[in-house]
Amino acid sequence: MVDLQLDSTVAELQVSDDGVGGADMRAGSGLVGLSDRVHALGGTIEVRSPAGRGTRLDAHIPLTSASVPAADQNS
């Protein structure tokens, strides 16, 4: 499932699956890079992935002119 909620100040993203779980941000996976990018935009990210119960990622990203790359501000 992917759910994105937008308003003029924030983007809220939820991604979940019913897989095997066990995703670990400390294990050097692609989640580390994703987390770095979300934090660079002033946001937060939480991953819950209990073994055998799937994975859920929640990201909260503030929408300000500073969070939009310069090339996209004129679009």
C-alpha atoms as a PDB file:
ATOM      1  CA  MET A   1       0.000   0.000   0.000  1.00  0.00           C
ATOM      2  CA  VAL A   2       1.187   3.509  -0.783  1.00  0.00           C
ATOM      3  CA  ASP A   3      -0.648   6.515   0.612  1.00  0.00           C
ATOM      4  CA  LEU A   4       0.373  10.144   0.088  1.00  0.00           C
ATOM      5  CA  GLN A   5      -1.385  13.054   1.750  1.00  0.00           C
ATOM      6  CA  LEU A   6      -0.434  16.581   0.708  1.00  0.00           C
ATOM      7  CA  ASP A   7      -1.401  20.001   1.857  1.00  0.00           C
ATOM      8  CA  SER A   8       0.335  23.341   1.476  1.00  0.00           C
ATOM      9  CA  THR A   9       2.700  22.712   4.399  1.00  0.00           C
ATOM     10  CA  VAL A  10       3.455  18.987   4.599  1.00  0.00           C
ATOM     11  CA  ALA A  11       3.712  15.724   2.682  1.00  0.00           C
ATOM     12  CA  GLU A  12       2.773  12.609   4.659  1.00  0.00           C
ATOM     13  CA  LEU A  13       3.779   9.314   3.071  1.00  0.00           C
ATOM     14  CA  GLN A  14       2.936   5.794   4.224  1.00  0.00           C
ATOM     15  CA  VAL A  15       4.266   2.709   2.477  1.00  0.00           C
ATOM     16  CA  SER A  16       3.499  -0.765   3.774  1.00  0.00           C
ATOM     17  CA  ASP A  17       3.563  -4.378   2.707  1.00  0.00           C
ATOM     18  CA  ASP A  18       2.627  -7.767   4.080  1.00  0.00           C
ATOM     19  CA  GLY A  19       6.039  -9.357   3.455  1.00  0.00           C
ATOM     20  CA  VAL A  20       8.405 -11.110   5.816  1.00  0.00           C
ATOM     21  CA  GLY A  21       9.450  -7.966   7.729  1.00  0.00           C
ATOM     22  CA  GLY A  22      12.834  -7.622   9.333  1.00  0.00           C
ATOM     23  CA  ALA A  23      13.921  -4.449   7.498  1.00  0.00           C
ATOM     24  CA  ASP A  24      16.628  -2.735   9.545  1.00  0.00           C
ATOM     25  CA  MET A  25      17.835   0.830   8.909  1.00  0.00           C
ATOM     26  CA  ARG A  26      21.107   0.019  10.694  1.00  0.00           C
ATOM     27  CA  ALA A  27      21.942  -2.792   8.260  1.00  0.00           C
ATOM     28  CA  GLY A  28      23.187  -0.494   5.478  1.00  0.00           C
ATOM     29  CA  SER A  29      20.211  -1.047   3.207  1.00  0.00           C
ATOM     30  CA  GLY A  30      18.631   1.472   0.855  1.00  0.00           C
ATOM     31  CA  LEU A  31      16.592   2.678   3.817  1.00  0.00           C
ATOM     32  CA  VAL A  32      19.665   4.555   5.089  1.00  0.00           C
ATOM     33  CA  GLY A  33      19.852   6.617   1.890  1.00  0.00           C
ATOM     34  CA  LEU A  34      16.123   7.278   1.998  1.00  0.00           C
ATOM     35  CA  SER A  35      16.363   8.382   5.615  1.00  0.00           C
ATOM     36  CA  ASP A  36      19.265  10.723   4.789  1.00  0.00           C
ATOM     37  CA  ARG A  37      17.234  12.377   2.031  1.00  0.00           C
ATOM     38  CA  VAL A  38      14.122  12.819   4.178  1.00  0.00           C
ATOM     39  CA  HIS A  39      16.185  14.312   7.029  1.00  0.00           C
ATOM     40  CA  ALA A  40      17.965  16.650   4.575  1.00  0.00           C
ATOM     41  CA  LEU A  41      14.536  18.101   3.763  1.00  0.00           C
ATOM     42  CA  GLY A  42      13.806  18.661   7.461  1.00  0.00           C
ATOM     43  CA  GLY A  43      11.527  15.646   7.689  1.00  0.00           C
ATOM     44  CA  THR A  44      11.213  12.549   9.789  1.00  0.00           C
ATOM     45  CA  ILE A  45      10.971   8.897   8.868  1.00  0.00           C
ATOM     46  CA  GLU A  46       9.969   5.869  10.901  1.00  0.00           C
ATOM     47  CA  VAL A  47      10.243   2.238   9.846  1.00  0.00           C
ATOM     48  CA  ARG A  48       8.490  -0.571  11.679  1.00  0.00           C
ATOM     49  CA  SER A  49       9.252  -4.044  10.415  1.00  0.00           C
ATOM     50  CA  PRO A  50       8.677  -6.832  12.922  1.00  0.00           C
ATOM     51  CA  ALA A  51       9.816 -10.227  11.680  1.00  0.00           C
ATOM     52  CA  GLY A  52       6.994 -12.097   9.976  1.00  0.00           C
ATOM     53  CA  ARG A  53       4.607  -9.134   9.974  1.00  0.00           C
ATOM     54  CA  GLY A  54       5.528  -6.927   7.019  1.00  0.00           C
ATOM     55  CA  THR A  55       7.039  -3.471   6.915  1.00  0.00           C
ATOM     56  CA  ARG A  56       5.586   0.014   7.340  1.00  0.00           C
ATOM     57  CA  LEU A  57       7.373   3.254   6.551  1.00  0.00           C
ATOM     58  CA  ASP A  58       5.981   6.629   7.617  1.00  0.00           C
ATOM     59  CA  ALA A  59       7.592   9.848   6.357  1.00  0.00           C
ATOM     60  CA  HIS A  60       6.671  13.410   7.273  1.00  0.00           C
ATOM     61  CA  ILE A  61       8.240  16.083   5.050  1.00  0.00           C
ATOM     62  CA  PRO A  62       7.590  19.794   5.532  1.00  0.00           C
ATOM     63  CA  LEU A  63       6.898  21.649   2.301  1.00  0.00           C
ATOM     64  CA  THR A  64       8.724  24.948   2.215  1.00  0.00           C
ATOM     65  CA  SER A  65      10.521  26.778  -0.558  1.00  0.00           C
ATOM     66  CA  ALA A  66      13.784  25.612   1.067  1.00  0.00           C
ATOM     67  CA  SER A  67      12.779  21.952   0.615  1.00  0.00           C
ATOM     68  CA  VAL A  68      12.199  22.293  -3.144  1.00  0.00           C
ATOM     69  CA  PRO A  69      15.361  21.983  -5.276  1.00  0.00           C
ATOM     70  CA  ALA A  70      16.178  25.229  -7.112  1.00  0.00           C
ATOM     71  CA  ALA A  71      15.604  23.657 -10.545  1.00  0.00           C
ATOM     72  CA  ASP A  72      12.019  22.794  -9.543  1.00  0.00           C
ATOM     73  CA  GLN A  73      11.045  26.159  -8.017  1.00  0.00           C
ATOM     74  CA  ASN A  74      10.294  27.698 -11.404  1.00  0.00           C
ATOM     75  CA  SER A  75       8.183  24.785 -12.673  1.00  0.00           C
END
